[in-house]
C-alpha atoms as a PDB file:
ATOM      1  CA  MET A   1       0.226  -0.032  -0.014  1.00  0.00           C
ATOM      2  CA  GLY A   2       1.835   2.595  -1.332  1.00  0.00           C
ATOM      3  CA  ASP A   3       5.414   3.240   1.347  1.00  0.00           C
ATOM      4  CA  LEU A   4       3.279   2.326   4.387  1.00  0.00           C
ATOM      5  CA  PHE A   5       5.102   2.239   7.729  1.00  0.00           C
ATOM      6  CA  ALA A   6       5.024   2.833  11.383  1.00  0.00           C
ATOM      7  CA  ALA A   7       7.032   4.842  13.301  1.00  0.00           C
ATOM      8  CA  THR A   8       7.404   5.254  16.938  1.00  0.00           C
ATOM      9  CA  CYS A   9       6.818   8.398  18.623  1.00  0.00           C
ATOM     10  CA  GLY A  10      10.356   9.611  18.696  1.00  0.00           C
ATOM     11  CA  ALA A  11       9.783  10.397  14.749  1.00  0.00           C
ATOM     12  CA  SER A  12       7.469  13.477  15.072  1.00  0.00           C
ATOM     13  CA  GLU A  13       7.260  15.790  18.599  1.00  0.00           C
ATOM     14  CA  GLN A  14       3.511  15.912  18.114  1.00  0.00           C
ATOM     15  CA  LEU A  15       2.375  12.440  19.172  1.00  0.00           C
ATOM     16  CA  ALA A  16       2.347  11.651  22.712  1.00  0.00           C
ATOM     17  CA  PRO A  17       4.846   9.154  24.417  1.00  0.00           C
ATOM     18  CA  GLY A  18       4.139   5.718  23.371  1.00  0.00           C
ATOM     19  CA  ALA A  19       2.184   6.885  19.965  1.00  0.00           C
ATOM     20  CA  VAL A  20       2.626   5.354  16.621  1.00  0.00           C
ATOM     21  CA  LEU A  21       2.265   7.231  13.521  1.00  0.00           C
ATOM     22  CA  LEU A  22       0.928   5.179  10.847  1.00  0.00           C
ATOM     23  CA  ARG A  23       1.206   6.613   7.294  1.00  0.00           C
ATOM     24  CA  GLY A  24       0.640   5.873   3.469  1.00  0.00           C
ATOM     25  CA  PHE A  25       2.311   8.088   0.900  1.00  0.00           C
ATOM     26  CA  ALA A  26      -0.559   8.648  -1.964  1.00  0.00           C
ATOM     27  CA  ALA A  27       1.836   9.378  -4.457  1.00  0.00           C
ATOM     28  CA  PRO A  28       3.336   5.833  -5.361  1.00  0.00           C
ATOM     29  CA  ILE A  29      -0.273   5.044  -5.261  1.00  0.00           C
ATOM     30  CA  ASP A  30      -1.509   7.955  -7.352  1.00  0.00           C
ATOM     31  CA  ALA A  31       1.652   6.635 -10.437  1.00  0.00           C
ATOM     32  CA  ALA A  32       0.620   3.182  -9.935  1.00  0.00           C
ATOM     33  CA  LEU A  33      -3.032   3.803 -10.668  1.00  0.00           C
ATOM     34  CA  GLU A  34      -2.273   6.634 -13.768  1.00  0.00           C
ATOM     35  CA  HIS A  35       0.775   3.994 -15.121  1.00  0.00           C
ATOM     36  CA  ARG A  36      -1.306   0.229 -14.381  1.00  0.00           C
ATOM     37  CA  ASP A  37       0.408  -1.789 -17.150  1.00  0.00           C
ATOM     38  CA  GLU A  38       3.956  -0.630 -16.137  1.00  0.00           C
ATOM     39  CA  ALA A  39       3.057  -0.937 -12.247  1.00  0.00           C
ATOM     40  CA  LEU A  40       1.630  -4.936 -12.847  1.00  0.00           C
ATOM     41  CA  ASP A  41       4.416  -5.498 -14.858  1.00  0.00           C
ATOM     42  CA  TYR A  42       6.769  -4.362 -12.007  1.00  0.00           C
ATOM     43  CA  ALA A  43       4.328  -6.369  -9.265  1.00  0.00           C
ATOM     44  CA  LEU A  44       4.686  -9.879 -11.329  1.00  0.00           C
ATOM     45  CA  GLY A  45       8.632  -9.474 -11.348  1.00  0.00           C
ATOM     46  CA  PHE A  46       7.474 -10.525  -7.441  1.00  0.00           C
ATOM     47  CA  GLY A  47       4.326 -12.782  -8.460  1.00  0.00           C
ATOM     48  CA  ARG A  48       6.368 -15.805  -8.094  1.00  0.00           C
ATOM     49  CA  GLY A  49       4.572 -17.249 -11.767  1.00  0.00           C
ATOM     50  CA  LEU A  50       0.902 -15.659 -11.098  1.00  0.00           C
ATOM     51  CA  ASP A  51      -0.655 -15.079 -14.692  1.00  0.00           C
ATOM     52  CA  ASP A  52      -1.478 -11.564 -15.584  1.00  0.00           C
ATOM     53  CA  ALA A  53      -4.922 -11.640 -14.745  1.00  0.00           C
ATOM     54  CA  ARG A  54      -4.705 -12.941 -11.181  1.00  0.00           C
ATOM     55  CA  GLY A  55      -1.501 -10.619 -10.592  1.00  0.00           C
ATOM     56  CA  ASP A  56      -4.217  -7.798 -11.991  1.00  0.00           C
ATOM     57  CA  GLU A  57      -6.582  -9.014  -9.057  1.00  0.00           C
ATOM     58  CA  PHE A  58      -3.951  -8.879  -6.492  1.00  0.00           C
ATOM     59  CA  VAL A  59      -2.532  -5.835  -7.279  1.00  0.00           C
ATOM     60  CA  GLY A  60      -6.126  -4.332  -7.580  1.00  0.00           C
ATOM     61  CA  MET A  61      -6.469  -5.298  -3.804  1.00  0.00           C
ATOM     62  CA  TYR A  62      -3.649  -2.609  -2.649  1.00  0.00           C
ATOM     63  CA  VAL A  63      -3.434  -0.197  -5.552  1.00  0.00           C
ATOM     64  CA  ASN A  64      -6.921   1.542  -5.581  1.00  0.00           C
ATOM     65  CA  GLU A  65      -8.823   4.328  -4.827  1.00  0.00           C
ATOM     66  CA  LEU A  66      -9.026   3.416  -1.145  1.00  0.00           C
ATOM     67  CA  THR A  67      -5.796   2.817  -0.346  1.00  0.00           C
ATOM     68  CA  GLN A  68      -5.392   6.471  -2.039  1.00  0.00           C
ATOM     69  CA  ASP A  69      -7.900   8.087   0.830  1.00  0.00           C
ATOM     70  CA  PHE A  70      -9.890   5.300   2.700  1.00  0.00           C
ATOM     71  CA  GLY A  71     -12.399   8.609   3.916  1.00  0.00           C
ATOM     72  CA  ALA A  72     -14.926   8.562   6.838  1.00  0.00           C
ATOM     73  CA  GLU A  73     -15.474   4.826   6.216  1.00  0.00           C
ATOM     74  CA  GLY A  74     -11.759   3.656   6.249  1.00  0.00           C
ATOM     75  CA  ARG A  75     -11.210   5.749   9.412  1.00  0.00           C
ATOM     76  CA  ALA A  76     -13.928   4.439  10.928  1.00  0.00           C
ATOM     77  CA  ALA A  77     -13.012   0.371  10.237  1.00  0.00           C
ATOM     78  CA  VAL A  78      -9.715   1.857  11.727  1.00  0.00           C
ATOM     79  CA  ARG A  79     -11.217   2.499  15.028  1.00  0.00           C
ATOM     80  CA  GLU A  80     -13.262  -0.280  14.871  1.00  0.00           C
ATOM     81  CA  LEU A  81     -10.310  -2.616  14.411  1.00  0.00           C
ATOM     82  CA  LEU A  82      -8.408  -1.149  17.046  1.00  0.00           C
ATOM     83  CA  ARG A  83     -11.515  -1.008  19.493  1.00  0.00           C
ATOM     84  CA  ARG A  84     -12.085  -4.593  18.841  1.00  0.00           C
ATOM     85  CA  ALA A  85      -8.476  -5.771  19.659  1.00  0.00           C
ATOM     86  CA  GLU A  86      -8.592  -3.964  22.700  1.00  0.00           C
ATOM     87  CA  ASP A  87     -11.706  -5.502  24.042  1.00  0.00           C
ATOM     88  CA  VAL A  88      -9.345  -9.080  23.558  1.00  0.00           C
ATOM     89  CA  GLY A  89      -6.486  -7.718  25.144  1.00  0.00           C
ATOM     90  CA  ALA A  90      -4.582  -7.417  22.448  1.00  0.00           C
ATOM     91  CA  TYR A  91      -2.453  -4.858  23.826  1.00  0.00           C
ATOM     92  CA  GLU A  92      -2.258  -3.094  27.220  1.00  0.00           C
ATOM     93  CA  ALA A  93      -3.072   0.341  26.991  1.00  0.00           C
ATOM     94  CA  GLY A  94      -6.156   1.990  24.787  1.00  0.00           C
ATOM     95  CA  VAL A  95      -5.163   3.179  21.537  1.00  0.00           C
ATOM     96  CA  ARG A  96      -6.218   7.041  20.636  1.00  0.00           C
ATOM     97  CA  VAL A  97      -6.460   7.334  16.485  1.00  0.00           C
ATOM     98  CA  GLU A  98      -5.837  10.580  15.091  1.00  0.00           C
ATOM     99  CA  PHE A  99      -5.732  11.042  11.351  1.00  0.00           C
ATOM    100  CA  LEU A 100      -3.603  13.328   9.525  1.00  0.00           C
ATOM    101  CA  GLU A 101      -4.894  15.108   6.860  1.00  0.00           C
END
């Protein structure tokens, strides 16, 4: 999903101690959508024998309008996922989610 990465709070003074910043870059996804054939050819080099149709389906799961900006529905889904994880004790302290625009 673009260059998706997580960085601990030392990366930004704006984050509270112990916070995690999760950020996806839209530029690589924009480029892949604008140059779909070239992006697919590149991705298939890592596809371990996937044919073009299955490779296109796989790439489409990660290179799409939702991975560019998943909007209010996606933000709600992230909050719900984290709430459920907290409910089952997946982590010690609650998580406060902030989305940077």
